[in-house]
């Protein structure tokens, strides 16, 4: 899940959280989680003062941000000396699955 400015939202992205008027959770709900964004829906959000939306995955990469592959290489490096320990293997697998799921990495890659 990634929080992005509405101006970076594109048709086809899927909402990861409900959208409320004025981005306030006590505001009027405008659209529900799981809704696919369309151009007309984005324009409607702009007209209702929505500034940001939470979308599934990690579709927008900003300058200086690490890619999924970079993050997975860093994870491998951090755990390289301790993967003989069962608890460390479990932590490694949990974190790798989390990064892959949340950052939109290749789901076909298997954890160690």
Protein backbone atom coordinates (compact mmCIF):
# COMPACT_ATOMS: atom_id res chain seq x y z
CA UNK A 1 0.00 0.00 0.00
CA UNK A 2 1.25 3.47 -0.85
CA UNK A 3 -0.10 6.90 0.00
CA UNK A 4 0.22 9.12 -3.07
CA UNK A 5 -0.84 12.66 -3.96
CA UNK A 6 -4.03 12.65 -6.02
CA UNK A 7 -2.20 14.34 -8.90
CA UNK A 8 -0.10 11.15 -9.31
CA UNK A 9 -3.13 8.83 -9.28
CA UNK A 10 -3.86 7.07 -12.57
CA UNK A 11 -6.85 5.20 -13.91
CA UNK A 12 -6.55 1.48 -13.14
CA UNK A 13 -4.98 1.87 -9.69
CA UNK A 14 -6.88 0.13 -6.88
CA UNK A 15 -7.76 1.93 -3.65
CA UNK A 16 -6.21 0.30 -0.58
CA UNK A 17 -8.30 2.37 1.87
CA UNK A 18 -11.62 4.16 1.85
CA UNK A 19 -11.52 7.75 0.58
CA UNK A 20 -13.16 10.50 2.63
CA UNK A 21 -14.01 14.06 1.71
CA UNK A 22 -11.16 16.35 2.71
CA UNK A 23 -9.04 13.28 3.63
CA UNK A 24 -10.64 13.28 7.09
CA UNK A 25 -11.78 9.89 8.44
CA UNK A 26 -14.67 11.70 10.12
CA UNK A 27 -15.66 13.25 6.79
CA UNK A 28 -18.19 11.94 4.34
CA UNK A 29 -17.06 8.66 2.70
CA UNK A 30 -16.66 9.07 -1.05
CA UNK A 31 -15.39 5.71 -2.22
CA UNK A 32 -14.58 2.32 -0.74
CA UNK A 33 -11.47 0.23 -0.48
CA UNK A 34 -10.93 -2.04 -3.49
CA UNK A 35 -12.40 0.41 -6.01
CA UNK A 36 -10.55 0.78 -9.30
CA UNK A 37 -9.76 4.40 -10.09
CA UNK A 38 -11.07 5.91 -13.30
CA UNK A 39 -10.30 9.29 -14.85
CA UNK A 40 -13.76 10.58 -13.95
CA UNK A 41 -13.42 9.38 -10.36
CA UNK A 42 -10.07 11.15 -10.01
CA UNK A 43 -11.62 14.38 -11.31
CA UNK A 44 -14.49 13.96 -8.84
CA UNK A 45 -11.97 13.56 -5.99
CA UNK A 46 -10.19 16.74 -7.13
CA UNK A 47 -13.48 18.62 -7.04
CA UNK A 48 -14.16 17.35 -3.51
CA UNK A 49 -10.78 18.51 -2.12
CA UNK A 50 -9.22 15.05 -1.77
CA UNK A 51 -5.45 15.58 -1.62
CA UNK A 52 -4.11 12.02 -1.27
CA UNK A 53 -5.24 8.43 -1.76
CA UNK A 54 -3.91 5.06 -0.58
CA UNK A 55 -3.43 2.63 -3.46
CA UNK A 56 -2.47 -1.04 -3.56
CA UNK A 57 1.13 -1.96 -4.25
CA UNK A 58 3.79 0.66 -4.78
CA UNK A 59 3.02 2.11 -8.22
CA UNK A 60 4.82 5.46 -7.83
CA UNK A 61 8.60 5.55 -7.45
CA UNK A 62 10.17 8.76 -6.25
CA UNK A 63 13.74 9.91 -6.86
CA UNK A 64 16.17 8.31 -4.42
CA UNK A 65 13.77 5.57 -3.41
CA UNK A 66 15.13 2.00 -3.38
CA UNK A 67 13.64 -0.53 -5.78
CA UNK A 68 12.19 -3.80 -4.52
CA UNK A 69 15.25 -5.66 -5.79
CA UNK A 70 17.55 -3.26 -3.91
CA UNK A 71 15.56 -3.75 -0.71
CA UNK A 72 15.67 -7.53 -1.09
CA UNK A 73 19.45 -7.42 -1.67
CA UNK A 74 19.82 -5.32 1.50
CA UNK A 75 17.70 -7.87 3.38
CA UNK A 76 19.86 -10.74 2.10
CA UNK A 77 22.98 -8.89 3.21
CA UNK A 78 21.61 -8.20 6.69
CA UNK A 79 20.62 -11.81 7.29
CA UNK A 80 23.50 -13.52 5.45
CA UNK A 81 25.41 -14.49 8.60
CA UNK A 82 22.44 -15.61 10.68
CA UNK A 83 20.31 -17.78 8.38
CA UNK A 84 21.41 -20.92 10.25
CA UNK A 85 19.16 -19.88 13.14
CA UNK A 86 15.51 -21.02 12.74
CA UNK A 87 14.06 -17.84 14.26
CA UNK A 88 16.15 -15.64 11.97
CA UNK A 89 15.00 -17.67 8.96
CA UNK A 90 11.40 -17.12 10.05
CA UNK A 91 11.97 -13.36 10.43
CA UNK A 92 13.74 -13.23 7.08
CA UNK A 93 10.85 -15.00 5.33
CA UNK A 94 8.23 -12.77 6.98
CA UNK A 95 10.04 -9.56 6.06
CA UNK A 96 10.78 -10.74 2.50
CA UNK A 97 7.12 -11.65 1.95
CA UNK A 98 6.05 -8.28 3.37
CA UNK A 99 8.40 -6.34 1.08
CA UNK A 100 7.35 -8.34 -1.94
CA UNK A 101 3.63 -7.93 -1.21
CA UNK A 102 3.68 -4.24 -0.24
CA UNK A 103 6.20 -2.98 -2.74
CA UNK A 104 4.80 -4.87 -5.71
CA UNK A 105 7.76 -7.20 -6.19
CA UNK A 106 7.82 -10.44 -8.14
CA UNK A 107 5.50 -12.80 -6.25
CA UNK A 108 7.01 -15.80 -8.06
CA UNK A 109 10.29 -15.48 -6.17
CA UNK A 110 10.46 -17.97 -3.34
CA UNK A 111 11.64 -17.12 0.15
CA UNK A 112 14.59 -19.08 1.46
